[in-house]
Amino acid sequence: MLKIIEAIPHALGADLSSVADMRAIADEILRDGTVYCFKRCLLSEPIDVLRQALFDHYRTVPAVKTDYDNPQLMNSNYHAVEQGVSTYQKTLHFYHAYLFNDMAKLPATLYPVRDVFHSLAVLHNALTGEKRGLMQEYAGGSFRPQIFQYPVGGGMFAAHVHALQPQKIGVILGFSKRGRDFQNGGSGFELPNGAILDTGREHDIGDILLFRYDLKHWVTPCDIASSVDLNKSHGRWTAVLPIY
């Protein structure tokens, strides 16, 4: 089941803990597997500006290959085009990933990245009762801010699952506009009763999806009939805040 809450749009960096009764929502998500969508939770205009600044900046920075066994890389800011079979999830995927493991070293044009993930971190803590901070290491897992571009022409992530702990609740912020930046593609879930939930039409820029982290989920292909062009910023973009 998908439940939608109409939120008052907030500025990037705002405290989102009072958007709704977070503990009651968290209890329902964890107990029943309900997926929530907070509509228009963050203002779309500053997201548009930040998305383009992010794309423009990293066009001048060489992409690298993700290596989870490389501590230097895992503690830096970098971007990578992920395609083929994921070495971590063991599933097919195709997306452009931007990872922020040292946000203190971001250029001034990308300072709003910190604001985005501050809002998501406060929201996640309100849901879970945790007190994790950004840019802090925790023995049980730390926030790893990430932004994904699923390019027009087939950007996707095949079905996969995560362990419930320590994340408990997954958070997905819509970071581009359906009907303008892309036409088709979105997050899907297999609910505890076996039903399939496609959030593609409901989840848009500034909206936040919340889901139980051990639900099987996927990202359907973005505008698969179009040509791929990684030199363009169009496509479906999302911001996520995993813990590992």
Protein backbone atom coordinates (compact mmCIF):
# COMPACT_ATOMS: atom_id res chain seq x y z
CA MET A 1 0.00 0.00 0.00
CA LEU A 2 1.12 3.53 -0.79
CA LYS A 3 0.04 6.33 1.53
CA ILE A 4 0.48 9.93 0.42
CA ILE A 5 0.91 12.90 2.75
CA GLU A 6 0.69 16.39 1.27
CA ALA A 7 3.49 18.38 2.88
CA ILE A 8 4.19 22.11 3.02
CA PRO A 9 7.25 22.69 0.79
CA HIS A 10 10.40 23.26 2.82
CA ALA A 11 13.70 24.92 1.97
CA LEU A 12 16.76 22.72 1.54
CA GLY A 13 18.25 22.12 4.99
CA ALA A 14 14.94 22.45 6.81
CA ASP A 15 14.00 20.26 9.75
CA LEU A 16 11.44 17.78 8.37
CA SER A 17 10.75 16.01 11.64
CA SER A 18 7.39 17.77 12.14
CA VAL A 19 5.92 17.01 8.69
CA ALA A 20 3.87 14.23 10.27
CA ASP A 21 3.78 11.91 13.29
CA MET A 22 7.06 10.23 12.43
CA ARG A 23 7.08 7.51 15.07
CA ALA A 24 3.56 6.39 14.16
CA ILE A 25 4.52 6.34 10.48
CA ALA A 26 7.70 4.41 11.24
CA ASP A 27 5.74 1.86 13.25
CA GLU A 28 3.37 1.30 10.32
CA ILE A 29 6.20 1.06 7.79
CA LEU A 30 8.07 -1.51 9.87
CA ARG A 31 4.99 -3.45 10.96
CA ASP A 32 2.95 -3.57 7.75
CA GLY A 33 5.42 -2.71 4.98
CA THR A 34 3.42 0.39 4.02
CA VAL A 35 5.25 2.75 1.63
CA TYR A 36 4.80 6.47 2.29
CA CYS A 37 5.23 9.40 -0.07
CA PHE A 38 5.62 12.91 1.37
CA LYS A 39 4.57 15.08 -1.57
CA ARG A 40 6.41 18.35 -2.33
CA CYS A 41 8.37 18.08 0.90
CA LEU A 42 11.34 20.10 -0.42
CA LEU A 43 11.15 23.05 -2.81
CA SER A 44 11.77 22.07 -6.43
CA GLU A 45 13.52 25.26 -7.62
CA PRO A 46 16.68 24.94 -5.46
CA ILE A 47 16.81 21.22 -6.32
CA ASP A 48 16.87 22.15 -10.02
CA VAL A 49 19.72 24.62 -9.45
CA LEU A 50 21.71 22.12 -7.39
CA ARG A 51 21.19 19.25 -9.83
CA GLN A 52 22.59 21.30 -12.71
CA ALA A 53 25.51 22.58 -10.58
CA LEU A 54 26.31 19.01 -9.60
CA PHE A 55 26.24 17.82 -13.19
CA ASP A 56 28.34 20.76 -14.44
CA HIS A 57 30.96 20.37 -11.71
CA TYR A 58 31.53 16.66 -12.15
CA ARG A 59 31.85 16.99 -15.93
CA THR A 60 35.25 18.52 -15.09
CA VAL A 61 36.22 15.70 -12.70
CA PRO A 62 37.19 12.23 -14.01
CA ALA A 63 34.84 9.43 -13.03
CA VAL A 64 36.32 6.54 -11.06
CA LYS A 65 35.41 2.90 -10.51
CA THR A 66 33.75 2.24 -7.16
CA ASP A 67 35.89 0.06 -4.89
CA TYR A 68 34.34 -0.67 -1.50
CA ASP A 69 37.68 -2.08 -0.32
CA ASN A 70 39.49 1.22 -0.96
CA PRO A 71 39.28 3.25 2.30
CA GLN A 72 40.66 6.39 0.67
CA LEU A 73 37.94 6.33 -1.98
CA MET A 74 35.25 5.47 0.56
CA ASN A 75 36.17 8.60 2.52
CA SER A 76 36.15 10.99 -0.44
CA ASN A 77 33.69 12.65 -2.81
CA TYR A 78 33.59 11.04 -6.24
CA HIS A 79 31.35 10.02 -9.12
CA ALA A 80 31.10 6.78 -11.06
CA VAL A 81 29.07 5.39 -13.96
CA GLU A 82 27.77 2.10 -12.62
CA GLN A 83 26.68 -0.47 -15.21
CA GLY A 84 26.52 -4.21 -15.74
CA VAL A 85 26.18 -6.48 -12.72
CA SER A 86 26.67 -4.78 -9.36
CA THR A 87 29.53 -6.30 -7.37
CA TYR A 88 27.68 -5.30 -4.20
CA GLN A 89 24.03 -6.12 -4.97
CA LYS A 90 24.74 -8.79 -7.65
CA THR A 91 22.02 -7.30 -9.88
CA LEU A 92 21.90 -5.48 -13.21
CA HIS A 93 22.13 -1.72 -12.96
CA PHE A 94 22.90 1.38 -15.02
CA TYR A 95 23.18 4.81 -13.42
CA HIS A 96 25.55 7.70 -12.77
CA ALA A 97 26.33 7.85 -9.05
CA TYR A 98 27.57 10.86 -7.07
CA LEU A 99 28.86 9.94 -3.61
CA PHE A 100 29.64 12.38 -0.80
CA ASN A 101 31.82 10.92 1.93
CA ASP A 102 33.64 14.17 2.78
CA MET A 103 31.16 16.99 2.36
CA ALA A 104 33.45 19.44 4.15
CA LYS A 105 35.55 19.44 0.97
CA LEU A 106 32.77 20.17 -1.49
CA PRO A 107 33.20 23.29 -3.65
CA ALA A 108 31.07 26.29 -2.75
CA THR A 109 28.68 25.67 -5.67
CA LEU A 110 27.78 22.32 -4.11
CA TYR A 111 27.33 23.43 -0.49
CA PRO A 112 23.55 22.89 -0.85
CA VAL A 113 24.30 19.16 -1.05
CA ARG A 114 24.90 19.36 2.70
CA ASP A 115 21.51 21.00 3.19
CA VAL A 116 19.69 18.29 1.24
CA PHE A 117 21.20 15.50 3.28
CA HIS A 118 20.85 17.36 6.55
CA SER A 119 17.09 17.42 5.94
CA LEU A 120 17.06 13.71 5.06
CA ALA A 121 19.21 12.79 8.06
CA VAL A 122 16.95 14.68 10.49
CA LEU A 123 13.95 12.97 8.93
CA HIS A 124 15.53 9.52 9.18
CA ASN A 125 16.51 10.09 12.82
CA ALA A 126 12.97 11.22 13.63
CA LEU A 127 11.62 8.02 12.10
CA THR A 128 14.06 5.62 13.73
CA GLY A 129 14.81 7.32 17.04
CA GLU A 130 18.51 7.35 16.20
CA LYS A 131 20.88 10.30 16.54
CA ARG A 132 23.25 9.80 13.62
CA GLY A 133 24.89 12.94 12.28
CA LEU A 134 26.21 13.64 8.82
CA MET A 135 29.98 13.42 8.32
CA GLN A 136 30.35 11.36 11.50
CA GLU A 137 31.54 7.78 11.77
CA TYR A 138 29.53 5.27 13.80
CA ALA A 139 30.46 1.72 14.69
CA GLY A 140 27.04 0.44 13.61
CA GLY A 141 27.17 2.18 10.22
CA SER A 142 27.32 5.77 9.01
CA PHE A 143 25.22 7.86 6.63
CA ARG A 144 26.59 7.65 3.06
CA PRO A 145 24.91 10.44 1.06
CA GLN A 146 24.39 9.56 -2.60
CA ILE A 147 22.68 11.09 -5.63
CA PHE A 148 21.86 8.94 -8.66
CA GLN A 149 21.12 9.93 -12.24
CA TYR A 150 19.25 7.22 -14.13
CA PRO A 151 19.98 8.39 -17.69
CA VAL A 152 17.36 8.64 -20.39
CA GLY A 153 17.83 5.61 -22.61
CA GLY A 154 17.55 2.90 -19.97
CA GLY A 155 18.94 3.96 -16.59
CA MET A 156 17.72 1.33 -14.12
CA PHE A 157 18.39 -0.86 -11.10
CA ALA A 158 17.10 -4.43 -11.07
CA ALA A 159 15.26 -5.95 -8.11
CA HIS A 160 17.32 -6.31 -4.95
CA VAL A 161 16.93 -6.48 -1.18
CA HIS A 162 18.83 -5.14 1.81
CA ALA A 163 19.13 -6.30 5.38
CA LEU A 164 16.68 -4.45 7.61
CA GLN A 165 19.35 -3.35 10.08
CA PRO A 166 20.86 -0.88 10.66
CA GLN A 167 18.92 1.22 8.12
CA LYS A 168 15.38 0.15 9.05
CA ILE A 169 13.74 2.70 6.74
CA GLY A 170 14.87 3.69 3.26
CA VAL A 171 14.60 7.31 2.09
CA ILE A 172 14.36 8.34 -1.59
CA LEU A 173 14.10 12.03 -2.55
CA GLY A 174 12.89 12.83 -6.07
CA PHE A 175 15.56 15.02 -7.65
CA SER A 176 14.23 15.68 -11.17
CA LYS A 177 10.90 16.53 -12.77
CA ARG A 178 8.72 13.93 -14.47
CA GLY A 179 7.41 15.20 -17.82
CA ARG A 180 10.32 17.62 -18.21
CA ASP A 181 13.58 15.86 -17.33
CA PHE A 182 12.24 12.37 -18.07
CA GLN A 183 8.96 10.68 -18.95
CA ASN A 184 8.98 7.14 -17.56
CA GLY A 185 10.70 5.16 -14.83
CA GLY A 186 10.40 4.96 -11.08
CA SER A 187 10.79 2.95 -7.91
CA GLY A 188 8.87 -0.28 -7.49
CA PHE A 189 8.34 -2.49 -4.44
CA GLU A 190 7.15 -5.98 -3.61
CA LEU A 191 4.94 -5.63 -0.55
CA PRO A 192 4.77 -8.24 2.25
CA ASN A 193 1.55 -9.69 0.80
CA GLY A 194 3.23 -10.20 -2.59
CA ALA A 195 1.52 -7.26 -4.28
CA ILE A 196 3.60 -5.08 -6.63
CA LEU A 197 3.64 -1.34 -6.02
CA ASP A 198 4.83 1.04 -8.76
CA THR A 199 5.38 4.57 -7.43
CA GLY A 200 6.49 5.97 -10.78
CA ARG A 201 3.49 8.24 -11.30
CA GLU A 202 3.31 9.52 -7.73
CA HIS A 203 6.98 10.17 -6.92
CA ASP A 204 8.24 13.46 -8.38
CA ILE A 205 10.75 16.21 -7.67
CA GLY A 206 10.82 17.23 -3.99
CA ASP A 207 8.81 14.16 -2.93
CA ILE A 208 10.23 11.73 -0.39
CA LEU A 209 9.51 7.99 -0.44
CA LEU A 210 9.84 6.01 2.79
CA PHE A 211 9.90 2.20 2.83
CA ARG A 212 10.88 -0.75 4.97
CA TYR A 213 14.46 -1.42 3.97
CA ASP A 214 14.14 -5.18 3.56
CA LEU A 215 11.35 -4.94 0.96
CA LYS A 216 12.42 -6.13 -2.47
CA HIS A 217 12.64 -3.02 -4.64
CA TRP A 218 13.88 -1.83 -8.03
CA VAL A 219 14.07 1.11 -10.42
CA THR A 220 12.32 0.63 -13.77
CA PRO A 221 14.14 1.79 -16.94
CA CYS A 222 14.10 5.51 -17.64
CA ASP A 223 12.78 6.36 -21.13
CA ILE A 224 14.19 3.14 -22.58
CA ALA A 225 13.19 3.96 -26.18
CA SER A 226 15.43 7.06 -26.22
CA SER A 227 19.15 7.24 -26.95
CA VAL A 228 21.64 7.30 -24.09
CA ASP A 229 23.75 10.45 -23.79
CA LEU A 230 25.76 10.75 -20.57
CA ASN A 231 26.80 14.27 -21.60
CA LYS A 232 23.28 15.49 -20.86
CA SER A 233 21.73 16.03 -17.46
CA HIS A 234 18.27 14.78 -18.31
CA GLY A 235 16.96 11.57 -16.77
CA ARG A 236 15.48 10.49 -13.47
CA TRP A 237 17.53 11.69 -10.47
CA THR A 238 17.13 10.65 -6.84
CA ALA A 239 18.94 11.34 -3.56
CA VAL A 240 19.28 8.50 -1.04
CA LEU A 241 20.86 8.16 2.38
CA PRO A 242 22.03 4.58 3.02
CA ILE A 243 23.83 3.52 6.18
CA TYR A 244 26.88 1.29 5.96
